[in-house]
Protein backbone atom coordinates (compact mmCIF):
# COMPACT_ATOMS: atom_id res chain seq x y z
CA MET A 1 116.07 94.11 117.19
CA SER A 2 117.14 94.79 120.74
CA THR A 3 120.21 92.93 121.71
CA ALA A 4 119.13 92.07 125.13
CA ASN A 5 119.81 88.34 125.63
CA TRP A 6 120.45 87.79 121.90
CA LYS A 7 123.57 85.96 121.06
CA LYS A 8 125.06 86.12 117.76
CA ILE A 9 126.18 82.46 116.95
CA GLY A 10 127.84 83.08 113.48
CA ARG A 11 127.17 83.36 109.83
CA LEU A 12 124.21 81.70 107.90
CA GLU A 13 127.00 79.73 105.56
CA SER A 14 128.60 78.20 108.68
CA ILE A 15 125.52 75.79 108.85
CA PRO A 16 125.01 73.59 106.02
CA VAL A 17 122.02 73.60 103.84
CA ARG A 18 119.66 71.03 105.03
CA GLY A 19 121.94 70.43 107.96
CA SER A 20 122.65 71.72 111.59
CA ARG A 21 125.15 72.85 114.01
CA ARG A 22 125.07 72.02 117.72
CA LEU A 23 126.24 74.87 119.96
CA CYS A 24 128.59 75.02 122.57
CA SER A 25 125.90 77.32 124.47
CA SER A 26 123.20 75.54 126.51
CA HIS A 27 119.67 76.19 127.66
CA PHE A 28 119.17 75.69 131.14
CA GLY A 29 121.74 72.93 130.97
CA ARG A 30 120.42 71.32 127.82
CA PRO A 31 122.34 71.20 124.56
CA ILE A 32 120.80 73.71 121.42
CA ALA A 33 120.93 73.03 117.88
CA VAL A 34 120.39 75.23 114.99
CA PHE A 35 119.03 74.03 111.74
CA ARG A 36 119.17 75.49 108.25
CA THR A 37 116.48 74.35 105.64
CA SER A 38 117.12 74.14 101.68
CA ASP A 39 115.32 77.75 101.50
CA ASP A 40 117.75 79.18 104.10
CA ARG A 41 115.19 79.52 107.10
CA VAL A 42 116.90 78.94 110.30
CA PHE A 43 115.39 77.26 113.46
CA ALA A 44 116.66 76.58 116.94
CA LEU A 45 115.62 73.64 119.12
CA VAL A 46 116.63 71.94 122.23
CA ASP A 47 118.91 69.17 120.82
CA GLU A 48 117.30 66.26 122.49
CA CYS A 49 114.50 64.16 120.70
CA PRO A 50 111.54 63.80 123.25
CA HIS A 51 111.53 60.06 122.68
CA LYS A 52 114.81 59.01 124.00
CA LYS A 53 116.90 62.27 123.85
CA GLY A 54 118.59 61.49 120.92
CA PRO A 55 120.74 64.39 119.11
CA LEU A 56 118.30 65.76 116.58
CA SER A 57 121.52 67.84 115.26
CA GLU A 58 122.69 64.63 113.83
CA GLY A 59 119.28 63.94 112.23
CA ILE A 60 118.22 64.47 108.70
CA VAL A 61 116.59 67.78 107.74
CA ALA A 62 113.76 67.50 105.14
CA GLY A 63 111.67 70.52 104.45
CA ASP A 64 110.74 72.16 107.64
CA THR A 65 111.22 68.90 109.79
CA VAL A 66 114.13 66.86 111.27
CA ALA A 67 114.23 63.01 111.70
CA CYS A 68 116.02 61.81 114.84
CA PRO A 69 118.89 59.87 114.01
CA LEU A 70 118.07 57.05 116.80
CA HIS A 71 114.39 55.83 115.98
CA GLY A 72 113.21 58.15 113.12
CA MET A 73 110.63 60.56 115.20
CA VAL A 74 109.90 63.49 112.70
CA ILE A 75 109.88 66.75 114.58
CA GLY A 76 108.83 70.09 113.34
CA LEU A 77 111.61 72.63 113.09
CA SER A 78 109.15 75.70 113.47
CA ASP A 79 107.15 74.30 116.63
CA GLY A 80 108.96 71.52 117.93
CA VAL A 81 106.04 69.31 117.79
CA ALA A 82 106.45 65.22 116.75
CA VAL A 83 104.63 64.53 113.38
CA ALA A 84 101.76 62.16 114.04
CA PRO A 85 101.63 59.50 114.43
CA ASP A 86 104.50 60.08 116.96
CA GLU A 87 103.78 62.37 120.11
CA GLY A 88 105.78 64.81 121.97
CA ALA A 89 107.42 67.97 121.62
CA VAL A 90 110.79 69.70 122.05
CA GLU A 91 111.33 73.14 122.99
CA THR A 92 112.21 76.03 120.33
CA LEU A 93 114.15 79.24 120.77
CA PRO A 94 113.73 82.32 119.06
CA VAL A 95 116.50 82.83 116.25
CA SER A 96 116.60 85.49 113.71
CA VAL A 97 119.20 86.29 110.74
CA VAL A 98 120.37 89.92 110.22
CA ASP A 99 122.50 90.71 107.24
CA GLY A 100 123.63 87.09 107.03
CA GLU A 101 124.49 86.79 110.90
CA ILE A 102 122.57 84.46 112.95
CA TYR A 103 121.18 85.47 116.44
CA LEU A 104 119.88 83.29 119.13
CA HIS A 105 117.72 84.42 121.82
CA LEU A 106 118.66 82.98 125.27
CA PRO A 107 116.60 84.34 128.26
CA GLU A 108 118.10 84.32 131.54
CA PRO A 109 117.23 81.79 134.01
CA GLY A 110 113.92 82.29 135.75
CA VAL A 111 112.78 84.70 132.82
CA SER A 112 110.29 83.47 130.14
CA GLY A 113 111.45 84.37 126.51
């Protein structure tokens, strides 16, 4: 993995199973959350529900989705798309786990990832 624009954000164990962690880093001024599923897959999303910008990092992770804590909108962790009948989407960010370390890809402003 090329290290350009990849930021090491911590160890896999630093995120609870079926939980998340909100990062101090932001993506173009918007908060980022990293999620860990029960089978140790890791996903990164902008930490704003598309409905009312609720903090997805405070939601409940089930399978490969997270439910917004404000109104229960369910968002797919892999694609950021709301599960029907809800509509909307949140931006996803590339994330990788290498030797137990989590890396997040943060493109530079004005450059697509």
